[in-house]
Amino acid sequence: MTLIWRYAWNGANFSVLEKALAGAVAPDAAALGRFLTRWNVRALGLAPDAVDVALASLDTVIESAALDAVQ
């Protein structure tokens, strides 16, 4: 990855997080996490379907962990 892409990649993450902290976007951690994950893995060239499968798997793990925490 070239240097310019690294700065663009980090800049996108920083921009979204900065807006959330400033109150310009809703501070929904799960939604921000999904957005940033989708943005970053798509920037790496993963197909949209592969990203959807990965995020669905992540949701399953998160839900399972939440259920374990309750029990």
C-alpha atoms as a PDB file:
ATOM      1  CA  MET A   1       0.000   0.000   0.000  1.00  0.00           C
ATOM      2  CA  THR A   2       1.445   3.332  -0.973  1.00  0.00           C
ATOM      3  CA  LEU A   3       1.933   6.090   1.538  1.00  0.00           C
ATOM      4  CA  ILE A   4      -0.882   8.224   0.104  1.00  0.00           C
ATOM      5  CA  TRP A   5      -3.378   5.374   0.604  1.00  0.00           C
ATOM      6  CA  ARG A   6      -2.293   4.977   4.217  1.00  0.00           C
ATOM      7  CA  TYR A   7      -2.990   8.630   4.897  1.00  0.00           C
ATOM      8  CA  ALA A   8      -6.362   8.458   3.124  1.00  0.00           C
ATOM      9  CA  TRP A   9      -7.276   5.313   5.039  1.00  0.00           C
ATOM     10  CA  ASN A  10      -6.309   6.764   8.408  1.00  0.00           C
ATOM     11  CA  GLY A  11      -7.888  10.086   7.504  1.00  0.00           C
ATOM     12  CA  ALA A  12     -11.263   8.458   6.841  1.00  0.00           C
ATOM     13  CA  ASN A  13     -11.183   6.656  10.187  1.00  0.00           C
ATOM     14  CA  PHE A  14     -10.127   9.769  12.035  1.00  0.00           C
ATOM     15  CA  SER A  15     -12.738  11.916  10.309  1.00  0.00           C
ATOM     16  CA  VAL A  16     -15.620   9.618  11.232  1.00  0.00           C
ATOM     17  CA  LEU A  17     -14.464   9.229  14.831  1.00  0.00           C
ATOM     18  CA  GLU A  18     -13.866  12.972  15.147  1.00  0.00           C
ATOM     19  CA  LYS A  19     -17.411  13.684  13.927  1.00  0.00           C
ATOM     20  CA  ALA A  20     -18.837  11.162  16.403  1.00  0.00           C
ATOM     21  CA  LEU A  21     -16.924  12.688  19.303  1.00  0.00           C
ATOM     22  CA  ALA A  22     -17.998  16.194  18.264  1.00  0.00           C
ATOM     23  CA  GLY A  23     -21.623  15.089  18.152  1.00  0.00           C
ATOM     24  CA  ALA A  24     -22.007  15.636  14.410  1.00  0.00           C
ATOM     25  CA  VAL A  25     -23.025  11.990  13.901  1.00  0.00           C
ATOM     26  CA  ALA A  26     -24.811   9.631  16.252  1.00  0.00           C
ATOM     27  CA  PRO A  27     -22.326   8.044  18.682  1.00  0.00           C
ATOM     28  CA  ASP A  28     -23.643   4.514  18.097  1.00  0.00           C
ATOM     29  CA  ALA A  29     -20.512   2.429  18.653  1.00  0.00           C
ATOM     30  CA  ALA A  30     -21.869  -0.650  16.863  1.00  0.00           C
ATOM     31  CA  ALA A  31     -22.963   1.333  13.801  1.00  0.00           C
ATOM     32  CA  LEU A  32     -19.681   3.257  13.646  1.00  0.00           C
ATOM     33  CA  GLY A  33     -17.712   0.039  14.027  1.00  0.00           C
ATOM     34  CA  ARG A  34     -19.623  -1.612  11.200  1.00  0.00           C
ATOM     35  CA  PHE A  35     -19.259   1.435   8.965  1.00  0.00           C
ATOM     36  CA  LEU A  36     -15.508   1.728   9.558  1.00  0.00           C
ATOM     37  CA  THR A  37     -14.999  -2.009   9.148  1.00  0.00           C
ATOM     38  CA  ARG A  38     -16.963  -2.047   5.893  1.00  0.00           C
ATOM     39  CA  TRP A  39     -15.118   1.054   4.640  1.00  0.00           C
ATOM     40  CA  ASN A  40     -11.685  -0.361   5.423  1.00  0.00           C
ATOM     41  CA  VAL A  41     -12.119  -3.882   4.095  1.00  0.00           C
ATOM     42  CA  ARG A  42     -13.760  -2.550   0.932  1.00  0.00           C
ATOM     43  CA  ALA A  43     -10.752  -0.237   0.530  1.00  0.00           C
ATOM     44  CA  LEU A  44      -8.574  -3.353   0.646  1.00  0.00           C
ATOM     45  CA  GLY A  45     -10.537  -4.756  -2.271  1.00  0.00           C
ATOM     46  CA  LEU A  46     -12.857  -7.297  -0.656  1.00  0.00           C
ATOM     47  CA  ALA A  47     -16.041  -7.943  -2.579  1.00  0.00           C
ATOM     48  CA  PRO A  48     -19.251  -6.542  -1.049  1.00  0.00           C
ATOM     49  CA  ASP A  49     -20.635 -10.071  -0.584  1.00  0.00           C
ATOM     50  CA  ALA A  50     -17.522 -11.151   1.328  1.00  0.00           C
ATOM     51  CA  VAL A  51     -17.817  -8.088   3.556  1.00  0.00           C
ATOM     52  CA  ASP A  52     -21.482  -8.886   4.265  1.00  0.00           C
ATOM     53  CA  VAL A  53     -20.585 -12.462   5.231  1.00  0.00           C
ATOM     54  CA  ALA A  54     -17.760 -11.277   7.491  1.00  0.00           C
ATOM     55  CA  LEU A  55     -19.958  -8.705   9.245  1.00  0.00           C
ATOM     56  CA  ALA A  56     -22.736 -11.279   9.692  1.00  0.00           C
ATOM     57  CA  SER A  57     -20.210 -13.614  11.322  1.00  0.00           C
ATOM     58  CA  LEU A  58     -19.045 -10.793  13.564  1.00  0.00           C
ATOM     59  CA  ASP A  59     -22.655 -10.084  14.581  1.00  0.00           C
ATOM     60  CA  THR A  60     -23.055 -13.749  15.532  1.00  0.00           C
ATOM     61  CA  VAL A  61     -19.942 -13.655  17.706  1.00  0.00           C
ATOM     62  CA  ILE A  62     -21.054 -10.414  19.392  1.00  0.00           C
ATOM     63  CA  GLU A  63     -24.545 -11.768  20.067  1.00  0.00           C
ATOM     64  CA  SER A  64     -23.091 -14.986  21.483  1.00  0.00           C
ATOM     65  CA  ALA A  65     -20.745 -13.050  23.762  1.00  0.00           C
ATOM     66  CA  ALA A  66     -23.621 -10.877  24.956  1.00  0.00           C
ATOM     67  CA  LEU A  67     -25.691 -13.960  25.775  1.00  0.00           C
ATOM     68  CA  ASP A  68     -22.734 -15.507  27.628  1.00  0.00           C
ATOM     69  CA  ALA A  69     -22.335 -12.313  29.662  1.00  0.00           C
ATOM     70  CA  VAL A  70     -25.981 -12.393  30.725  1.00  0.00           C
ATOM     71  CA  GLN A  71     -25.889 -16.022  31.874  1.00  0.00           C
END
